[in-house]
């Protein structure tokens, strides 16, 4: 029996997901067509700027709605979490599976209204997803030039595709770390003891996210490595999407300023949810990663920066993200 009712998670996400924006059929068709074209164009810009070339030619680009994005991520989550079913033991029953399904679906419904794009590494050989309703909604809220904003988003996601398909070992390394994190989950008895921490976090009584509330000591070690890796990858994508420059995206500086204001804003309820779900950590990754990558490139250039992708040993360690010179000394000037 599965630990989570994944069918219920999929239907819950579809039911609770946000709706809109209002577009005509012809406009929707035009958006989908342009996003596919811009995703191809973005690949060329990313290769020219970074020196990373995707080594897999059959990695598809899918322009999807929120419901489809959630369904794709349910598939990925099912593959990751399935090893927990045996470990869950007595906690694994139809009632808890349905509760977990509703919770997972509600989380994905919330996220489905926030995500602009995603490179899904869990579906071999990987696929690039662009969430058209969110892209249109954001460009309208930001009053951004549609062509420029769409290309800007495509460059970010195309950078992730270049990372995972242009660095031969990276995808397997990332998946191994994620699976190790899941495998380090507690035994059924210890999981039961964690429920109190989880409830306190959910009620805002502890200054931790839901993710932190359920971590074991071993998971914290793995998460440090994953955090360093994801901070690098997100920061790299941020630098590339801005660094391609105004010759490609004339309004890039205006888009960045408006996007960052909206990224850090939101209602008090939304800010609470971001903290509770650990999404503030994601925002920190963008900021710290962008500073790290920009600082290293400024010091040693793009070619030597790309040494970061030589092996897992050349990835930045967590303390190095705020001390780029330390990484340069360890990796570049040895």
Protein backbone atom coordinates (compact mmCIF):
# COMPACT_ATOMS: atom_id res chain seq x y z
CA UNK A 1 0.00 0.00 0.00
CA UNK A 2 1.30 3.45 -0.89
CA UNK A 3 2.09 5.91 1.86
CA UNK A 4 0.30 8.63 -0.13
CA UNK A 5 -2.87 8.36 -2.20
CA UNK A 6 -1.33 9.87 -5.31
CA UNK A 7 -4.53 9.77 -7.36
CA UNK A 8 -6.19 11.84 -4.64
CA UNK A 9 -3.20 14.20 -4.63
CA UNK A 10 -3.60 14.73 -8.38
CA UNK A 11 -7.33 15.37 -8.19
CA UNK A 12 -6.95 17.66 -5.15
CA UNK A 13 -4.31 19.76 -6.91
CA UNK A 14 -6.52 20.05 -9.98
CA UNK A 15 -9.54 21.04 -7.88
CA UNK A 16 -7.80 23.57 -5.62
CA UNK A 17 -5.46 25.10 -8.17
CA UNK A 18 -5.98 28.75 -9.13
CA UNK A 19 -7.81 29.74 -12.29
CA UNK A 20 -7.19 32.44 -14.87
CA UNK A 21 -5.94 34.61 -16.38
CA UNK A 22 -8.65 35.28 -18.91
CA UNK A 23 -7.38 34.74 -22.46
CA UNK A 24 -9.09 34.05 -25.77
CA UNK A 25 -8.47 30.82 -27.66
CA UNK A 26 -6.45 32.63 -30.31
CA UNK A 27 -4.33 34.36 -27.65
CA UNK A 28 -3.73 31.09 -25.82
CA UNK A 29 -2.65 29.43 -29.07
CA UNK A 30 -0.31 32.32 -29.81
CA UNK A 31 1.25 32.17 -26.32
CA UNK A 32 1.92 28.43 -26.61
CA UNK A 33 3.45 28.79 -30.07
CA UNK A 34 5.68 31.68 -29.02
CA UNK A 35 6.87 29.97 -25.83
CA UNK A 36 7.97 26.94 -27.83
CA UNK A 37 9.85 29.16 -30.28
CA UNK A 38 11.47 31.19 -27.49
CA UNK A 39 12.53 28.04 -25.65
CA UNK A 40 14.50 27.01 -28.75
CA UNK A 41 15.96 30.51 -29.10
CA UNK A 42 16.87 30.57 -25.40
CA UNK A 43 18.95 27.41 -25.81
CA UNK A 44 21.25 29.16 -28.28
CA UNK A 45 21.63 32.20 -26.00
CA UNK A 46 22.45 30.02 -22.99
CA UNK A 47 25.06 28.02 -24.89
CA UNK A 48 26.73 31.18 -26.20
CA UNK A 49 26.81 32.84 -22.77
CA UNK A 50 27.77 29.88 -20.56
CA UNK A 51 29.72 27.54 -22.81
CA UNK A 52 27.45 24.69 -21.67
CA UNK A 53 25.81 22.72 -24.47
CA UNK A 54 22.96 20.28 -23.88
CA UNK A 55 24.22 16.81 -24.74
CA UNK A 56 20.73 15.33 -25.05
CA UNK A 57 18.80 16.32 -28.16
CA UNK A 58 15.51 14.60 -27.30
CA UNK A 59 14.74 16.52 -24.10
CA UNK A 60 11.27 17.88 -24.85
CA UNK A 61 9.78 21.32 -24.20
CA UNK A 62 6.21 21.19 -22.90
CA UNK A 63 3.97 24.21 -22.51
CA UNK A 64 1.48 23.18 -19.83
CA UNK A 65 -1.35 24.44 -17.67
CA UNK A 66 -1.31 24.35 -13.86
CA UNK A 67 -3.20 21.07 -13.65
CA UNK A 68 -0.69 19.32 -15.91
CA UNK A 69 2.26 20.80 -14.03
CA UNK A 70 0.86 19.40 -10.77
CA UNK A 71 0.25 15.99 -12.34
CA UNK A 72 3.83 15.82 -13.65
CA UNK A 73 5.16 16.62 -10.20
CA UNK A 74 2.93 14.00 -8.57
CA UNK A 75 4.67 11.45 -10.80
CA UNK A 76 8.07 12.68 -9.66
CA UNK A 77 7.09 12.73 -6.01
CA UNK A 78 5.66 9.22 -6.23
CA UNK A 79 8.98 7.88 -7.49
CA UNK A 80 10.93 9.69 -4.78
CA UNK A 81 8.67 8.88 -1.83
CA UNK A 82 7.82 5.27 -2.72
CA UNK A 83 10.75 3.83 -0.68
CA UNK A 84 9.11 5.28 2.44
CA UNK A 85 6.09 2.99 2.10
CA UNK A 86 7.90 0.01 3.60
CA UNK A 87 9.58 2.09 6.30
CA UNK A 88 6.25 3.68 7.32
CA UNK A 89 4.99 0.37 8.72
CA UNK A 90 2.02 0.90 11.02
CA UNK A 91 1.56 4.44 9.82
CA UNK A 92 0.80 3.11 6.35
CA UNK A 93 -2.97 2.69 6.09
CA UNK A 94 -5.75 3.97 3.82
CA UNK A 95 -6.74 6.83 6.13
CA UNK A 96 -3.25 8.27 6.49
CA UNK A 97 -2.65 7.73 2.76
CA UNK A 98 -5.72 9.82 1.92
CA UNK A 99 -4.78 12.53 4.42
CA UNK A 100 -1.29 12.66 2.92
CA UNK A 101 -2.81 12.74 -0.56
CA UNK A 102 -4.94 15.76 0.27
CA UNK A 103 -1.97 17.51 1.89
CA UNK A 104 0.30 16.84 -1.08
CA UNK A 105 -2.42 17.96 -3.49
CA UNK A 106 -3.07 21.17 -1.56
CA UNK A 107 0.64 22.01 -1.57
CA UNK A 108 0.95 21.36 -5.30
CA UNK A 109 -2.19 23.42 -5.93
CA UNK A 110 -0.59 26.38 -4.15
CA UNK A 111 2.72 25.97 -5.97
CA UNK A 112 1.01 25.50 -9.33
CA UNK A 113 0.01 29.15 -9.22
CA UNK A 114 3.58 30.32 -8.51
CA UNK A 115 5.85 28.33 -10.81
CA UNK A 116 6.71 29.88 -14.17
CA UNK A 117 8.81 27.03 -15.46
CA UNK A 118 10.71 23.95 -14.38
CA UNK A 119 13.28 21.55 -15.72
CA UNK A 120 12.00 18.18 -14.54
CA UNK A 121 15.03 15.94 -14.02
CA UNK A 122 13.03 12.97 -12.70
CA UNK A 123 11.50 12.05 -16.06
CA UNK A 124 14.32 10.57 -18.20
CA UNK A 125 16.00 12.20 -20.02
CA UNK A 126 14.39 15.29 -18.49
CA UNK A 127 11.86 17.75 -19.81
CA UNK A 128 11.45 21.50 -19.76
CA UNK A 129 8.04 22.68 -18.54
CA UNK A 130 6.67 26.18 -19.11
CA UNK A 131 3.48 27.01 -17.19
CA UNK A 132 1.70 29.29 -19.66
CA UNK A 133 -1.10 30.65 -17.39
CA UNK A 134 1.40 31.76 -14.74
CA UNK A 135 3.72 33.36 -17.29
CA UNK A 136 0.87 35.39 -18.76
CA UNK A 137 -0.45 36.30 -15.30
CA UNK A 138 2.97 37.47 -14.10
CA UNK A 139 3.78 39.50 -17.19
CA UNK A 140 0.46 41.28 -16.81
CA UNK A 141 1.02 41.99 -13.12
CA UNK A 142 4.51 43.28 -13.84
CA UNK A 143 3.31 45.18 -16.92
CA UNK A 144 6.25 43.63 -18.72
CA UNK A 145 6.77 43.36 -22.44
CA UNK A 146 5.34 39.89 -23.21
CA UNK A 147 8.04 38.84 -25.68
CA UNK A 148 10.87 39.98 -23.39
CA UNK A 149 9.39 38.42 -20.25
CA UNK A 150 8.70 35.09 -21.96
CA UNK A 151 12.22 34.89 -23.36
CA UNK A 152 13.64 35.86 -19.95
CA UNK A 153 11.78 32.96 -18.31
CA UNK A 154 12.79 30.57 -21.08
CA UNK A 155 16.47 31.49 -20.63
CA UNK A 156 16.25 30.62 -16.92
CA UNK A 157 14.78 27.18 -17.59
CA UNK A 158 17.02 26.55 -20.60
CA UNK A 159 19.97 27.19 -18.29
CA UNK A 160 18.76 24.42 -15.99
CA UNK A 161 18.43 22.13 -19.00
CA UNK A 162 21.99 22.98 -20.04
CA UNK A 163 23.21 22.26 -16.51
CA UNK A 164 21.58 18.85 -16.24
CA UNK A 165 22.20 17.73 -19.83
CA UNK A 166 25.53 19.47 -20.45
CA UNK A 167 27.22 18.20 -17.26
CA UNK A 168 27.23 14.40 -17.67
CA UNK A 169 27.31 13.44 -13.98
CA UNK A 170 25.03 16.13 -12.54
CA UNK A 171 21.60 14.56 -13.02
CA UNK A 172 22.58 11.20 -11.48
CA UNK A 173 24.34 12.97 -8.61
CA UNK A 174 21.30 15.13 -7.85
CA UNK A 175 18.85 12.22 -7.95
CA UNK A 176 21.15 10.14 -5.74
CA UNK A 177 21.27 12.92 -3.14
CA UNK A 178 17.48 13.34 -3.17
CA UNK A 179 16.93 9.60 -2.77
CA UNK A 180 19.50 9.49 0.02
CA UNK A 181 17.58 12.25 1.77
CA UNK A 182 14.36 10.25 1.57
CA UNK A 183 16.08 7.03 2.65
CA UNK A 184 17.39 8.79 5.77
CA UNK A 185 13.84 9.31 7.06
CA UNK A 186 13.01 8.15 10.56
CA UNK A 187 11.69 4.77 11.64
CA UNK A 188 7.93 4.53 12.27
CA UNK A 189 8.35 5.14 16.03
CA UNK A 190 10.55 8.19 15.48
CA UNK A 191 8.19 9.44 12.79
CA UNK A 192 5.42 9.34 15.34
CA UNK A 193 7.52 11.40 17.75
CA UNK A 194 7.98 14.00 15.02
CA UNK A 195 4.26 14.66 14.72
CA UNK A 196 4.31 17.12 17.63
CA UNK A 197 7.08 19.13 15.98
CA UNK A 198 5.18 19.06 12.71
CA UNK A 199 2.00 20.35 14.33
CA UNK A 200 3.84 23.13 16.17
CA UNK A 201 5.43 24.20 12.90
CA UNK A 202 2.08 24.12 11.12
CA UNK A 203 0.61 26.33 13.84
CA UNK A 204 3.51 28.76 13.61
CA UNK A 205 4.64 28.03 17.17
CA UNK A 206 8.13 27.05 16.11
CA UNK A 207 10.29 29.20 13.84
CA UNK A 208 10.92 26.34 11.42
CA UNK A 209 9.44 25.19 8.14
CA UNK A 210 7.48 21.97 7.75
CA UNK A 211 10.52 20.51 6.00
CA UNK A 212 12.83 21.36 8.88
CA UNK A 213 10.38 19.98 11.42
CA UNK A 214 10.60 16.50 9.90
CA UNK A 215 14.36 16.30 9.31
CA UNK A 216 16.67 13.77 10.90
CA UNK A 217 20.33 14.61 11.69
CA UNK A 218 21.48 12.63 8.64
CA UNK A 219 18.97 14.45 6.47
CA UNK A 220 20.32 17.80 7.62
CA UNK A 221 23.78 16.82 6.37
CA UNK A 222 22.40 15.77 3.01
CA UNK A 223 20.25 18.89 2.85
CA UNK A 224 23.33 21.05 3.35
CA UNK A 225 24.84 19.51 0.23
CA UNK A 226 21.58 19.80 -1.70
CA UNK A 227 21.14 23.40 -0.59
CA UNK A 228 24.62 24.29 -1.80
CA UNK A 229 24.00 22.58 -5.14
CA UNK A 230 20.58 24.13 -5.71
CA UNK A 231 21.83 27.56 -4.66
CA UNK A 232 24.57 27.26 -7.27
CA UNK A 233 22.18 26.11 -10.00
CA UNK A 234 19.55 28.76 -9.27
CA UNK A 235 22.15 31.51 -8.96
CA UNK A 236 23.75 30.45 -12.22
CA UNK A 237 20.39 30.59 -14.00
CA UNK A 238 19.69 34.02 -12.52
CA UNK A 239 23.03 35.39 -13.73
CA UNK A 240 22.49 33.95 -17.21
CA UNK A 241 18.94 35.27 -17.63
CA UNK A 242 20.15 38.78 -16.80
CA UNK A 243 23.58 38.44 -18.39
CA UNK A 244 22.35 37.61 -21.87
CA UNK A 245 21.70 41.32 -21.92
CA UNK A 246 19.61 44.10 -23.42
CA UNK A 247 20.69 43.26 -26.96
CA UNK A 248 18.49 40.17 -26.64
CA UNK A 249 15.95 41.38 -24.03
CA UNK A 250 15.75 45.20 -24.26
CA UNK A 251 13.69 45.58 -21.08
CA UNK A 252 15.65 43.08 -18.97
CA UNK A 253 16.61 45.59 -16.25
CA UNK A 254 13.00 46.73 -15.84
CA UNK A 255 11.78 43.13 -15.70
CA UNK A 256 14.37 42.18 -13.07
CA UNK A 257 13.53 45.15 -10.83
CA UNK A 258 9.77 44.54 -11.04
CA UNK A 259 10.11 40.79 -10.60
CA UNK A 260 12.30 41.07 -7.52
CA UNK A 261 9.87 43.49 -5.89
CA UNK A 262 7.01 41.08 -6.43
CA UNK A 263 9.08 38.02 -5.43
CA UNK A 264 9.80 39.41 -1.96
CA UNK A 265 6.36 40.93 -1.43
CA UNK A 266 2.95 39.39 -0.97
CA UNK A 267 0.23 39.49 1.64
CA UNK A 268 0.95 38.52 5.28
CA UNK A 269 -0.78 35.19 4.66
CA UNK A 270 1.37 34.49 1.62
CA UNK A 271 4.53 35.43 3.51
CA UNK A 272 3.53 33.06 6.30
CA UNK A 273 2.96 30.23 3.83
CA UNK A 274 6.32 30.87 2.22
CA UNK A 275 8.07 30.58 5.57
CA UNK A 276 6.04 27.56 6.64
CA UNK A 277 6.76 25.66 3.43
CA UNK A 278 10.42 26.62 3.34
CA UNK A 279 9.98 28.81 0.26
CA UNK A 280 11.88 31.66 1.88
CA UNK A 281 14.89 29.36 1.69
CA UNK A 282 14.29 29.20 -2.07
CA UNK A 283 14.30 33.00 -2.29
CA UNK A 284 17.55 33.07 -0.35
CA UNK A 285 19.01 30.58 -2.82
CA UNK A 286 18.29 32.93 -5.70
CA UNK A 287 19.94 35.87 -3.96
CA UNK A 288 22.98 34.10 -2.50
CA UNK A 289 23.52 32.00 -5.60
CA UNK A 290 23.40 35.00 -7.89
CA UNK A 291 25.95 36.86 -5.76
CA UNK A 292 28.27 33.83 -5.63
CA UNK A 293 28.17 33.12 -9.37
CA UNK A 294 28.53 36.77 -10.34
CA UNK A 295 31.46 37.24 -7.94
CA UNK A 296 33.32 34.17 -9.22
CA UNK A 297 32.81 35.09 -12.88
CA UNK A 298 34.02 38.62 -12.16
CA UNK A 299 37.18 37.22 -10.53
CA UNK A 300 38.17 34.38 -12.85
CA UNK A 301 35.90 34.51 -15.93
CA UNK A 302 33.32 32.09 -17.28
CA UNK A 303 35.76 29.38 -18.37
CA UNK A 304 37.27 28.99 -14.91
CA UNK A 305 33.86 29.35 -13.26
CA UNK A 306 32.78 26.31 -15.26
CA UNK A 307 35.27 24.25 -13.25
CA UNK A 308 32.45 24.11 -10.73
CA UNK A 309 30.89 21.46 -12.98
CA UNK A 310 34.00 19.22 -13.09
CA UNK A 311 32.84 16.79 -10.38
CA UNK A 312 30.85 16.69 -7.13
CA UNK A 313 34.07 17.65 -5.31
CA UNK A 314 34.29 20.97 -7.17
CA UNK A 315 30.77 22.05 -6.24
CA UNK A 316 30.71 24.90 -3.71
CA UNK A 317 30.41 23.94 -0.07
CA UNK A 318 27.74 25.70 1.93
CA UNK A 319 30.13 28.18 3.66
CA UNK A 320 31.75 29.03 0.31
CA UNK A 321 28.52 30.44 -1.06
CA UNK A 322 29.09 33.56 1.04
CA UNK A 323 32.87 33.41 0.53
CA UNK A 324 33.52 33.08 -3.23
CA UNK A 325 37.25 33.62 -2.74
CA UNK A 326 37.39 30.44 -0.67
CA UNK A 327 35.94 28.42 -3.56
CA UNK A 328 38.30 30.10 -6.04
CA UNK A 329 41.27 29.26 -3.81
CA UNK A 330 40.19 25.64 -3.41
CA UNK A 331 39.20 24.87 -7.00
CA UNK A 332 40.73 27.37 -9.42
CA UNK A 333 44.08 28.42 -7.97
CA UNK A 334 45.25 25.06 -6.63
